[in-house]
N, C-alpha and C. Protein backbone atom coordinates (compact mmCIF):
# COMPACT_ATOMS: atom_id res chain seq x y z
N MET A 1 107.84 110.63 81.16
CA MET A 1 106.97 110.40 82.32
C MET A 1 106.74 108.90 82.50
N GLY A 2 106.71 108.47 83.77
CA GLY A 2 106.53 107.06 84.06
C GLY A 2 105.28 106.78 84.86
N THR A 3 105.21 105.57 85.39
CA THR A 3 104.07 105.18 86.21
C THR A 3 104.01 106.07 87.45
N PRO A 4 102.87 106.67 87.73
CA PRO A 4 102.79 107.57 88.88
C PRO A 4 102.86 106.85 90.22
N LEU A 5 103.45 107.54 91.19
CA LEU A 5 103.50 107.09 92.58
C LEU A 5 102.68 108.06 93.40
N PHE A 6 101.71 107.54 94.14
CA PHE A 6 100.86 108.36 94.99
C PHE A 6 101.18 108.04 96.45
N LEU A 7 101.67 109.04 97.16
CA LEU A 7 102.04 108.91 98.57
C LEU A 7 100.95 109.54 99.43
N PHE A 8 100.40 108.77 100.34
CA PHE A 8 99.30 109.25 101.19
C PHE A 8 99.73 109.34 102.64
N ASP A 9 99.45 110.48 103.24
CA ASP A 9 99.55 110.60 104.69
C ASP A 9 98.44 109.75 105.30
N PHE A 10 98.48 109.54 106.62
CA PHE A 10 97.46 108.73 107.29
C PHE A 10 96.54 109.57 108.15
N ASP A 11 97.08 110.14 109.22
CA ASP A 11 96.25 110.88 110.17
C ASP A 11 95.75 112.18 109.55
N LYS A 12 94.45 112.41 109.66
CA LYS A 12 93.77 113.58 109.13
C LYS A 12 93.77 113.61 107.60
N THR A 13 94.10 112.47 107.00
CA THR A 13 94.05 112.34 105.54
C THR A 13 93.23 111.13 105.15
N LEU A 14 93.58 109.96 105.67
CA LEU A 14 92.77 108.76 105.47
C LEU A 14 91.83 108.52 106.65
N TYR A 15 92.28 108.91 107.82
CA TYR A 15 91.47 108.84 109.03
C TYR A 15 91.52 110.19 109.74
N ALA A 16 90.39 110.65 110.23
CA ALA A 16 90.40 111.77 111.16
C ALA A 16 91.07 111.27 112.44
N TYR A 17 91.79 112.17 113.11
CA TYR A 17 92.56 111.77 114.29
C TYR A 17 92.39 112.81 115.38
N ASP A 18 92.08 112.35 116.60
CA ASP A 18 91.86 113.25 117.72
C ASP A 18 92.64 112.74 118.94
N PHE A 19 93.77 113.37 119.21
CA PHE A 19 94.61 112.97 120.33
C PHE A 19 93.87 113.11 121.66
N ARG A 20 92.88 114.01 121.71
CA ARG A 20 92.12 114.22 122.94
C ARG A 20 91.28 112.99 123.31
N LYS A 21 91.08 112.08 122.36
CA LYS A 21 90.40 110.82 122.66
C LYS A 21 91.41 109.72 123.01
N ARG A 22 92.59 109.83 122.43
CA ARG A 22 93.61 108.81 122.67
C ARG A 22 94.19 108.90 124.07
N LEU A 23 94.52 110.10 124.51
CA LEU A 23 95.19 110.26 125.79
C LEU A 23 94.35 109.77 126.97
N PRO A 24 93.05 110.10 127.05
CA PRO A 24 92.26 109.56 128.16
C PRO A 24 92.19 108.04 128.16
N ARG A 25 92.13 107.45 126.96
CA ARG A 25 92.07 105.98 126.90
C ARG A 25 93.38 105.38 127.38
N LEU A 26 94.49 105.99 127.02
CA LEU A 26 95.79 105.53 127.52
C LEU A 26 95.85 105.61 129.04
N ALA A 27 95.33 106.71 129.58
CA ALA A 27 95.33 106.88 131.03
C ALA A 27 94.50 105.79 131.70
N GLU A 28 93.35 105.48 131.12
CA GLU A 28 92.49 104.43 131.68
C GLU A 28 93.19 103.07 131.65
N LEU A 29 93.86 102.79 130.56
CA LEU A 29 94.49 101.49 130.37
C LEU A 29 95.72 101.30 131.25
N THR A 30 96.43 102.38 131.52
CA THR A 30 97.71 102.27 132.23
C THR A 30 97.63 102.66 133.70
N GLY A 31 96.60 103.42 134.07
CA GLY A 31 96.52 103.93 135.43
C GLY A 31 97.45 105.10 135.69
N VAL A 32 98.06 105.61 134.63
CA VAL A 32 98.93 106.78 134.73
C VAL A 32 98.14 107.99 134.24
N SER A 33 98.25 109.11 134.92
CA SER A 33 97.43 110.28 134.59
C SER A 33 97.73 110.81 133.19
N GLN A 34 96.73 111.45 132.62
CA GLN A 34 96.92 112.08 131.32
C GLN A 34 98.06 113.09 131.38
N TYR A 35 98.12 113.84 132.45
CA TYR A 35 99.17 114.86 132.59
C TYR A 35 100.55 114.22 132.54
N THR A 36 100.73 113.14 133.31
CA THR A 36 102.04 112.49 133.36
C THR A 36 102.42 111.91 132.00
N LEU A 37 101.47 111.26 131.35
CA LEU A 37 101.74 110.68 130.03
C LEU A 37 102.15 111.75 129.03
N ALA A 38 101.37 112.83 128.99
CA ALA A 38 101.65 113.90 128.03
C ALA A 38 102.97 114.58 128.34
N LYS A 39 103.21 114.85 129.64
CA LYS A 39 104.40 115.60 130.04
C LYS A 39 105.67 114.79 129.82
N THR A 40 105.64 113.53 130.18
CA THR A 40 106.87 112.74 130.10
C THR A 40 107.16 112.24 128.69
N TRP A 41 106.15 111.69 128.02
CA TRP A 41 106.40 111.05 126.72
C TRP A 41 106.33 112.03 125.56
N TRP A 42 105.21 112.73 125.44
CA TRP A 42 105.05 113.60 124.27
C TRP A 42 105.84 114.91 124.42
N GLU A 43 105.64 115.62 125.51
CA GLU A 43 106.38 116.87 125.69
C GLU A 43 107.87 116.61 125.90
N GLY A 44 108.20 115.44 126.38
CA GLY A 44 109.60 115.07 126.55
C GLY A 44 110.32 114.75 125.25
N GLY A 45 109.58 114.73 124.15
CA GLY A 45 110.18 114.52 122.83
C GLY A 45 110.37 113.07 122.43
N HIS A 46 109.84 112.15 123.24
CA HIS A 46 110.08 110.74 122.96
C HIS A 46 109.26 110.22 121.77
N GLU A 47 108.05 110.73 121.60
CA GLU A 47 107.25 110.29 120.45
C GLU A 47 107.89 110.78 119.16
N ALA A 48 108.35 112.03 119.16
CA ALA A 48 109.04 112.55 117.97
C ALA A 48 110.29 111.74 117.67
N ALA A 49 111.01 111.35 118.72
CA ALA A 49 112.20 110.52 118.52
C ALA A 49 111.82 109.16 117.95
N ALA A 50 110.71 108.59 118.44
CA ALA A 50 110.24 107.31 117.92
C ALA A 50 109.86 107.44 116.45
N GLU A 51 109.23 108.55 116.10
CA GLU A 51 108.85 108.77 114.71
C GLU A 51 110.07 108.94 113.80
N SER A 52 111.18 109.34 114.38
CA SER A 52 112.42 109.51 113.62
C SER A 52 113.25 108.25 113.56
N GLY A 53 112.76 107.16 114.17
CA GLY A 53 113.43 105.87 114.04
C GLY A 53 114.30 105.48 115.21
N GLU A 54 114.15 106.12 116.36
CA GLU A 54 115.01 105.78 117.50
C GLU A 54 114.76 104.37 118.00
N TYR A 55 113.51 103.90 117.92
CA TYR A 55 113.18 102.55 118.38
C TYR A 55 112.87 101.69 117.15
N LEU A 56 113.58 100.57 117.02
CA LEU A 56 113.54 99.79 115.79
C LEU A 56 112.51 98.67 115.80
N SER A 57 111.83 98.49 116.92
CA SER A 57 110.82 97.44 117.01
C SER A 57 109.71 97.87 117.95
N THR A 58 108.59 97.19 117.85
CA THR A 58 107.47 97.44 118.76
C THR A 58 107.90 97.22 120.21
N ASP A 59 108.65 96.16 120.46
CA ASP A 59 109.10 95.87 121.83
C ASP A 59 109.98 97.00 122.37
N GLU A 60 110.87 97.54 121.54
CA GLU A 60 111.73 98.64 121.97
C GLU A 60 110.90 99.88 122.28
N TYR A 61 109.91 100.15 121.43
CA TYR A 61 109.04 101.31 121.66
C TYR A 61 108.32 101.17 123.00
N LEU A 62 107.71 100.03 123.23
CA LEU A 62 106.92 99.83 124.46
C LEU A 62 107.81 99.86 125.70
N ALA A 63 109.00 99.28 125.59
CA ALA A 63 109.92 99.30 126.73
C ALA A 63 110.30 100.73 127.08
N ALA A 64 110.55 101.55 126.07
CA ALA A 64 110.91 102.95 126.32
C ALA A 64 109.72 103.71 126.89
N PHE A 65 108.54 103.49 126.33
CA PHE A 65 107.33 104.17 126.80
C PHE A 65 107.10 103.86 128.28
N ASN A 66 107.20 102.61 128.63
CA ASN A 66 106.92 102.20 130.01
C ASN A 66 108.00 102.70 130.97
N ASP A 67 109.24 102.72 130.50
CA ASP A 67 110.32 103.23 131.33
C ASP A 67 110.16 104.72 131.62
N VAL A 68 109.79 105.46 130.58
CA VAL A 68 109.68 106.92 130.71
C VAL A 68 108.45 107.32 131.53
N THR A 69 107.33 106.63 131.32
CA THR A 69 106.07 107.05 131.93
C THR A 69 105.73 106.31 133.22
N GLY A 70 106.37 105.16 133.46
CA GLY A 70 106.01 104.34 134.61
C GLY A 70 104.80 103.47 134.37
N ALA A 71 104.37 103.38 133.12
CA ALA A 71 103.19 102.59 132.75
C ALA A 71 103.59 101.14 132.49
N SER A 72 102.58 100.31 132.22
CA SER A 72 102.79 98.93 131.77
C SER A 72 101.94 98.70 130.53
N LEU A 73 102.20 99.51 129.51
CA LEU A 73 101.40 99.47 128.29
C LEU A 73 101.80 98.28 127.43
N THR A 74 100.80 97.56 126.91
CA THR A 74 101.03 96.45 125.99
C THR A 74 100.74 96.91 124.56
N ALA A 75 101.13 96.08 123.61
CA ALA A 75 100.84 96.40 122.21
C ALA A 75 99.33 96.46 121.98
N ASP A 76 98.60 95.56 122.57
CA ASP A 76 97.13 95.58 122.42
C ASP A 76 96.55 96.86 123.01
N GLY A 77 97.07 97.29 124.15
CA GLY A 77 96.60 98.53 124.76
C GLY A 77 96.94 99.73 123.91
N TRP A 78 98.15 99.73 123.36
CA TRP A 78 98.54 100.83 122.47
C TRP A 78 97.58 100.92 121.30
N ARG A 79 97.26 99.78 120.69
CA ARG A 79 96.35 99.77 119.53
C ARG A 79 94.95 100.21 119.94
N GLU A 80 94.50 99.79 121.10
CA GLU A 80 93.16 100.17 121.55
C GLU A 80 93.05 101.69 121.71
N ALA A 81 94.05 102.30 122.33
CA ALA A 81 94.03 103.75 122.53
C ALA A 81 94.17 104.48 121.20
N ARG A 82 95.02 103.97 120.33
CA ARG A 82 95.21 104.59 119.01
C ARG A 82 93.93 104.54 118.20
N ARG A 83 93.26 103.41 118.25
CA ARG A 83 92.02 103.22 117.50
C ARG A 83 90.92 104.15 118.01
N ALA A 84 90.93 104.46 119.31
CA ALA A 84 89.91 105.34 119.89
C ALA A 84 89.98 106.75 119.31
N ALA A 85 91.15 107.12 118.78
CA ALA A 85 91.34 108.48 118.26
C ALA A 85 91.09 108.58 116.76
N MET A 86 90.76 107.45 116.11
CA MET A 86 90.67 107.40 114.65
C MET A 86 89.24 107.25 114.16
N THR A 87 88.90 108.02 113.12
CA THR A 87 87.60 107.91 112.46
C THR A 87 87.83 107.84 110.96
N PRO A 88 87.32 106.82 110.28
CA PRO A 88 87.57 106.69 108.84
C PRO A 88 87.03 107.88 108.05
N ILE A 89 87.72 108.20 106.96
CA ILE A 89 87.23 109.17 105.98
C ILE A 89 86.95 108.38 104.70
N PRO A 90 85.73 107.88 104.53
CA PRO A 90 85.45 106.96 103.41
C PRO A 90 85.81 107.52 102.04
N ALA A 91 85.59 108.81 101.82
CA ALA A 91 85.90 109.38 100.51
C ALA A 91 87.40 109.37 100.25
N SER A 92 88.20 109.47 101.30
CA SER A 92 89.65 109.36 101.13
C SER A 92 90.05 107.93 100.80
N PHE A 93 89.34 106.96 101.38
CA PHE A 93 89.59 105.56 101.02
C PHE A 93 89.34 105.36 99.53
N ALA A 94 88.24 105.95 99.05
CA ALA A 94 87.89 105.80 97.63
C ALA A 94 88.98 106.43 96.75
N ALA A 95 89.51 107.57 97.18
CA ALA A 95 90.58 108.22 96.42
C ALA A 95 91.84 107.35 96.42
N LEU A 96 92.14 106.73 97.55
CA LEU A 96 93.29 105.83 97.63
C LEU A 96 93.12 104.65 96.68
N ARG A 97 91.93 104.08 96.67
CA ARG A 97 91.69 102.94 95.77
C ARG A 97 91.82 103.36 94.31
N ARG A 98 91.30 104.54 93.96
CA ARG A 98 91.41 105.01 92.59
C ARG A 98 92.87 105.24 92.22
N ALA A 99 93.63 105.82 93.11
CA ALA A 99 95.06 106.02 92.86
C ALA A 99 95.76 104.68 92.63
N GLY A 100 95.34 103.66 93.38
CA GLY A 100 95.93 102.34 93.22
C GLY A 100 95.62 101.72 91.87
N GLU A 101 94.50 102.11 91.27
CA GLU A 101 94.16 101.62 89.93
C GLU A 101 94.99 102.31 88.86
N LEU A 102 95.47 103.51 89.17
CA LEU A 102 96.18 104.32 88.17
C LEU A 102 97.70 104.26 88.31
N GLY A 103 98.18 103.80 89.43
CA GLY A 103 99.63 103.77 89.66
C GLY A 103 99.96 103.00 90.92
N THR A 104 101.09 103.32 91.49
CA THR A 104 101.54 102.72 92.75
C THR A 104 101.12 103.61 93.91
N VAL A 105 100.61 103.01 94.96
CA VAL A 105 100.23 103.78 96.15
C VAL A 105 101.07 103.33 97.33
N SER A 106 101.39 104.30 98.18
CA SER A 106 102.14 103.99 99.40
C SER A 106 101.74 104.96 100.50
N LEU A 107 101.83 104.49 101.72
CA LEU A 107 101.73 105.37 102.87
C LEU A 107 103.01 106.19 102.98
N LEU A 108 102.91 107.41 103.46
CA LEU A 108 104.08 108.19 103.87
C LEU A 108 103.63 109.02 105.06
N SER A 109 103.87 108.49 106.25
CA SER A 109 103.27 109.03 107.47
C SER A 109 104.31 109.20 108.57
N ASN A 110 104.20 110.30 109.31
CA ASN A 110 105.02 110.48 110.51
C ASN A 110 104.45 109.62 111.63
N ASN A 111 105.05 108.46 111.83
CA ASN A 111 104.57 107.55 112.88
C ASN A 111 105.69 106.62 113.32
N PRO A 112 105.61 106.08 114.54
CA PRO A 112 106.63 105.15 115.04
C PRO A 112 106.46 103.75 114.46
N ILE A 113 107.44 102.91 114.73
CA ILE A 113 107.44 101.56 114.16
C ILE A 113 106.26 100.73 114.66
N ILE A 114 105.79 100.97 115.87
CA ILE A 114 104.66 100.21 116.39
C ILE A 114 103.40 100.47 115.55
N PHE A 115 103.30 101.68 115.00
CA PHE A 115 102.18 101.99 114.14
C PHE A 115 102.23 101.14 112.88
N ARG A 116 103.40 101.09 112.23
CA ARG A 116 103.51 100.27 111.02
C ARG A 116 103.21 98.81 111.32
N ASP A 117 103.73 98.31 112.44
CA ASP A 117 103.51 96.91 112.79
C ASP A 117 102.04 96.63 113.10
N SER A 118 101.29 97.67 113.45
CA SER A 118 99.88 97.51 113.84
C SER A 118 98.91 97.90 112.74
N LEU A 119 99.42 98.30 111.59
CA LEU A 119 98.55 98.89 110.56
C LEU A 119 97.43 97.96 110.12
N HIS A 120 97.71 96.68 109.96
CA HIS A 120 96.67 95.75 109.51
C HIS A 120 95.55 95.62 110.54
N ASP A 121 95.87 95.79 111.81
CA ASP A 121 94.84 95.75 112.86
C ASP A 121 94.09 97.08 112.95
N LEU A 122 94.82 98.17 112.81
CA LEU A 122 94.21 99.50 112.96
C LEU A 122 93.37 99.89 111.76
N ALA A 123 93.84 99.56 110.57
CA ALA A 123 93.21 100.06 109.34
C ALA A 123 93.26 99.00 108.25
N PRO A 124 92.51 97.89 108.42
CA PRO A 124 92.59 96.81 107.44
C PRO A 124 92.20 97.22 106.03
N GLU A 125 91.25 98.17 105.90
CA GLU A 125 90.83 98.61 104.57
C GLU A 125 91.98 99.29 103.84
N VAL A 126 92.71 100.12 104.56
CA VAL A 126 93.84 100.84 103.98
C VAL A 126 94.99 99.87 103.71
N ALA A 127 95.29 99.02 104.68
CA ALA A 127 96.38 98.08 104.52
C ALA A 127 96.16 97.16 103.33
N GLY A 128 94.91 96.81 103.08
CA GLY A 128 94.60 95.94 101.95
C GLY A 128 94.93 96.58 100.61
N VAL A 129 94.81 97.89 100.52
CA VAL A 129 95.14 98.60 99.29
C VAL A 129 96.65 98.82 99.18
N LEU A 130 97.28 99.15 100.29
CA LEU A 130 98.71 99.48 100.29
C LEU A 130 99.60 98.26 100.11
N GLY A 131 99.17 97.11 100.58
CA GLY A 131 100.04 95.95 100.55
C GLY A 131 101.25 96.18 101.45
N GLU A 132 102.45 96.00 100.89
CA GLU A 132 103.67 96.18 101.67
C GLU A 132 104.18 97.61 101.65
N ASN A 133 103.49 98.51 100.97
CA ASN A 133 103.96 99.90 100.83
C ASN A 133 103.49 100.74 102.02
N ASP A 134 104.03 100.41 103.19
CA ASP A 134 103.56 101.01 104.44
C ASP A 134 104.64 101.89 105.06
N LEU A 135 105.18 102.81 104.28
CA LEU A 135 106.28 103.63 104.75
C LEU A 135 105.85 104.58 105.87
N VAL A 136 106.59 104.52 106.95
CA VAL A 136 106.43 105.49 108.04
C VAL A 136 107.79 106.13 108.31
N SER A 137 107.75 107.26 108.95
CA SER A 137 108.98 108.02 109.19
C SER A 137 110.01 107.22 109.98
N ALA A 138 109.56 106.37 110.89
CA ALA A 138 110.49 105.59 111.69
C ALA A 138 111.36 104.68 110.83
N VAL A 139 110.80 104.20 109.73
CA VAL A 139 111.56 103.33 108.83
C VAL A 139 112.54 104.14 108.00
N LEU A 140 112.15 105.34 107.62
CA LEU A 140 112.97 106.17 106.75
C LEU A 140 113.97 107.04 107.52
N GLY A 141 113.83 107.11 108.83
CA GLY A 141 114.79 107.86 109.64
C GLY A 141 114.70 109.36 109.51
N ALA A 142 113.54 109.86 109.16
CA ALA A 142 113.31 111.30 109.03
C ALA A 142 111.81 111.55 109.06
N ARG A 143 111.44 112.77 109.44
CA ARG A 143 110.03 113.13 109.55
C ARG A 143 109.69 114.23 108.54
N LYS A 144 108.48 114.15 108.00
CA LYS A 144 108.00 115.27 107.19
C LYS A 144 107.94 116.53 108.07
N PRO A 145 108.31 117.68 107.56
CA PRO A 145 108.60 118.01 106.15
C PRO A 145 110.08 118.01 105.77
N GLU A 146 110.93 117.23 106.46
CA GLU A 146 112.34 117.17 106.09
C GLU A 146 112.48 116.64 104.66
N ALA A 147 113.38 117.23 103.90
CA ALA A 147 113.56 116.83 102.50
C ALA A 147 113.94 115.36 102.37
N ARG A 148 114.75 114.87 103.30
CA ARG A 148 115.28 113.52 103.14
C ARG A 148 114.22 112.44 103.27
N ILE A 149 113.11 112.70 103.94
CA ILE A 149 112.08 111.66 104.00
C ILE A 149 111.47 111.44 102.62
N TYR A 150 111.32 112.52 101.86
CA TYR A 150 110.74 112.40 100.52
C TYR A 150 111.72 111.74 99.56
N THR A 151 112.99 112.15 99.61
CA THR A 151 113.97 111.56 98.70
C THR A 151 114.21 110.09 99.03
N ARG A 152 114.16 109.74 100.29
CA ARG A 152 114.32 108.33 100.67
C ARG A 152 113.12 107.50 100.23
N ALA A 153 111.93 108.07 100.32
CA ALA A 153 110.74 107.36 99.85
C ALA A 153 110.83 107.13 98.34
N LEU A 154 111.23 108.15 97.62
CA LEU A 154 111.38 108.00 96.16
C LEU A 154 112.40 106.92 95.82
N SER A 155 113.48 106.87 96.56
CA SER A 155 114.52 105.87 96.31
C SER A 155 113.99 104.45 96.51
N ARG A 156 113.09 104.30 97.47
CA ARG A 156 112.52 102.97 97.72
C ARG A 156 111.81 102.43 96.48
N PHE A 157 111.23 103.34 95.72
CA PHE A 157 110.46 102.91 94.55
C PHE A 157 111.20 103.12 93.23
N GLY A 158 112.34 103.78 93.29
CA GLY A 158 113.09 104.05 92.07
C GLY A 158 112.33 104.95 91.11
N ILE A 159 111.60 105.91 91.68
CA ILE A 159 110.75 106.80 90.87
C ILE A 159 111.23 108.23 91.05
N PRO A 160 111.35 109.00 89.96
CA PRO A 160 111.76 110.40 90.08
C PRO A 160 110.66 111.25 90.70
N ALA A 161 111.05 112.35 91.29
CA ALA A 161 110.09 113.21 91.97
C ALA A 161 108.97 113.67 91.04
N VAL A 162 109.28 113.89 89.78
CA VAL A 162 108.28 114.40 88.84
C VAL A 162 107.11 113.44 88.66
N ASP A 163 107.32 112.17 88.97
CA ASP A 163 106.26 111.18 88.81
C ASP A 163 105.57 110.83 90.12
N ALA A 164 105.81 111.62 91.16
CA ALA A 164 105.23 111.33 92.47
C ALA A 164 104.31 112.47 92.91
N MET A 165 103.27 112.07 93.65
CA MET A 165 102.30 113.02 94.20
C MET A 165 102.06 112.67 95.67
N LEU A 166 102.10 113.69 96.53
CA LEU A 166 101.83 113.51 97.96
C LEU A 166 100.46 114.09 98.30
N VAL A 167 99.68 113.32 99.05
CA VAL A 167 98.39 113.79 99.59
C VAL A 167 98.55 113.89 101.10
N ASP A 168 98.35 115.09 101.64
CA ASP A 168 98.63 115.32 103.06
C ASP A 168 97.75 116.46 103.56
N ASP A 169 97.35 116.40 104.82
CA ASP A 169 96.55 117.49 105.37
C ASP A 169 97.40 118.69 105.76
N SER A 170 98.70 118.50 105.94
CA SER A 170 99.59 119.56 106.43
C SER A 170 100.16 120.38 105.28
N GLY A 171 99.95 121.68 105.33
CA GLY A 171 100.53 122.55 104.32
C GLY A 171 102.05 122.51 104.34
N ALA A 172 102.64 122.43 105.53
CA ALA A 172 104.10 122.35 105.64
C ALA A 172 104.63 121.09 104.99
N ASN A 173 103.93 119.97 105.18
CA ASN A 173 104.37 118.72 104.57
C ASN A 173 104.25 118.76 103.05
N VAL A 174 103.18 119.37 102.57
CA VAL A 174 102.99 119.51 101.12
C VAL A 174 104.09 120.38 100.55
N ARG A 175 104.38 121.48 101.20
CA ARG A 175 105.44 122.38 100.70
C ARG A 175 106.81 121.69 100.74
N GLY A 176 107.04 120.86 101.76
CA GLY A 176 108.29 120.12 101.82
C GLY A 176 108.44 119.17 100.65
N ALA A 177 107.34 118.52 100.27
CA ALA A 177 107.38 117.62 99.12
C ALA A 177 107.60 118.40 97.83
N GLU A 178 106.90 119.51 97.69
CA GLU A 178 107.03 120.31 96.48
C GLU A 178 108.45 120.86 96.32
N ALA A 179 109.13 121.09 97.43
CA ALA A 179 110.49 121.63 97.38
C ALA A 179 111.48 120.65 96.74
N VAL A 180 111.15 119.35 96.77
CA VAL A 180 112.03 118.37 96.13
C VAL A 180 111.47 117.90 94.79
N GLY A 181 110.40 118.55 94.32
CA GLY A 181 109.87 118.26 92.99
C GLY A 181 108.67 117.36 92.93
N ILE A 182 108.14 116.95 94.10
CA ILE A 182 106.93 116.13 94.16
C ILE A 182 105.71 117.03 94.05
N THR A 183 104.70 116.59 93.33
CA THR A 183 103.44 117.32 93.26
C THR A 183 102.68 117.12 94.57
N GLY A 184 102.17 118.20 95.12
CA GLY A 184 101.48 118.11 96.40
C GLY A 184 100.00 118.41 96.28
N PHE A 185 99.22 117.75 97.13
CA PHE A 185 97.78 118.07 97.26
C PHE A 185 97.47 118.11 98.75
N GLN A 186 96.90 119.23 99.19
CA GLN A 186 96.55 119.37 100.61
C GLN A 186 95.08 119.02 100.81
N LEU A 187 94.84 118.00 101.62
CA LEU A 187 93.47 117.64 101.97
C LEU A 187 92.98 118.59 103.05
N LEU A 188 91.84 119.21 102.80
CA LEU A 188 91.30 120.21 103.71
C LEU A 188 89.92 119.80 104.21
N GLU A 189 89.65 120.11 105.46
CA GLU A 189 88.31 119.91 106.02
C GLU A 189 87.52 121.18 105.78
N ILE A 190 86.42 121.04 105.06
CA ILE A 190 85.63 122.20 104.66
C ILE A 190 84.16 121.94 104.95
N GLY A 191 83.58 122.75 105.81
CA GLY A 191 82.15 122.65 106.07
C GLY A 191 81.70 121.28 106.55
N GLY A 192 82.49 120.65 107.39
CA GLY A 192 82.11 119.35 107.92
C GLY A 192 82.49 118.20 107.02
N GLY A 193 83.04 118.49 105.85
CA GLY A 193 83.51 117.45 104.93
C GLY A 193 84.94 117.72 104.51
N TYR A 194 85.35 117.09 103.43
CA TYR A 194 86.71 117.24 102.93
C TYR A 194 86.68 117.49 101.43
N ASN A 195 87.74 118.07 100.92
CA ASN A 195 87.82 118.37 99.49
C ASN A 195 88.26 117.14 98.69
N THR A 196 87.58 116.03 98.94
CA THR A 196 87.96 114.77 98.31
C THR A 196 87.57 114.71 96.83
N ASP A 197 86.54 115.45 96.43
CA ASP A 197 86.22 115.49 94.99
C ASP A 197 87.38 116.11 94.22
N ALA A 198 87.92 117.19 94.76
CA ALA A 198 89.08 117.83 94.14
C ALA A 198 90.29 116.90 94.17
N LEU A 199 90.41 116.11 95.22
CA LEU A 199 91.52 115.16 95.31
C LEU A 199 91.44 114.13 94.19
N VAL A 200 90.29 113.56 93.99
CA VAL A 200 90.14 112.56 92.93
C VAL A 200 90.44 113.19 91.57
N GLU A 201 89.96 114.40 91.35
CA GLU A 201 90.25 115.10 90.10
C GLU A 201 91.75 115.30 89.92
N ALA A 202 92.45 115.65 91.00
CA ALA A 202 93.90 115.86 90.94
C ALA A 202 94.63 114.55 90.64
N ILE A 203 94.17 113.47 91.24
CA ILE A 203 94.77 112.16 90.99
C ILE A 203 94.58 111.76 89.54
N GLU A 204 93.37 111.94 89.04
CA GLU A 204 93.07 111.60 87.63
C GLU A 204 93.93 112.43 86.68
N ALA A 205 94.04 113.73 86.96
CA ALA A 205 94.82 114.61 86.10
C ALA A 205 96.30 114.25 86.14
N PHE A 206 96.81 113.93 87.31
CA PHE A 206 98.22 113.60 87.45
C PHE A 206 98.55 112.33 86.66
N ALA A 207 97.65 111.34 86.75
CA ALA A 207 97.85 110.10 86.00
C ALA A 207 97.74 110.33 84.50
N ALA A 208 96.77 111.15 84.09
CA ALA A 208 96.57 111.43 82.68
C ALA A 208 97.79 112.10 82.05
N GLU A 209 98.42 112.98 82.80
CA GLU A 209 99.63 113.65 82.31
C GLU A 209 100.75 112.64 82.04
N ARG A 210 100.66 111.48 82.66
CA ARG A 210 101.67 110.44 82.48
C ARG A 210 101.17 109.32 81.58
N GLY A 211 100.10 109.61 80.85
CA GLY A 211 99.59 108.66 79.88
C GLY A 211 98.80 107.51 80.46
N VAL A 212 98.33 107.67 81.71
CA VAL A 212 97.55 106.63 82.37
C VAL A 212 96.12 107.10 82.53
N ALA A 213 95.18 106.26 82.18
CA ALA A 213 93.76 106.64 82.29
C ALA A 213 92.95 105.51 82.85
């Protein structure tokens, strides 16, 4: 057993996320209706394509978004709308920090390249803990729960699956990680809170099994 690697999802794991707040703000900023934005970009499959690495830079992402929707969205506008949908989960931040004390921590999130480029602005507390370990699906060319996103993440760190743990709100994503040998923990919203006490216990136990305390 080696030094543990803790992979954290972002949306609904470190931050609560509500697309119903993001879309109206995008509409306000661009002057394009919520219906048109949702129908052309999201239902048209362009966001999923962006998350899979189709656009290699923030500029490419924005150019495609504006071409498809007829908007004139800027990077600042994108961040403003994204931020409107996010609410910190402080206990998850604490779990991330504890994981960082016990091993290596990294993001592993289904998001486009503009998200990674904006992470320090969107989530400075998280970015400060992660450092350069800001893996998003757009960089890895695959989305959770595809097996290859997990194996590619492991390759980045040179760590075997047995020494890695994924924290994610999605049961499908957790099962995808477990299928390649990664230990999974599903973050759940329970009674207005989250099972973060159990998460910290799982992190501590995983590290202890590898001789880290």
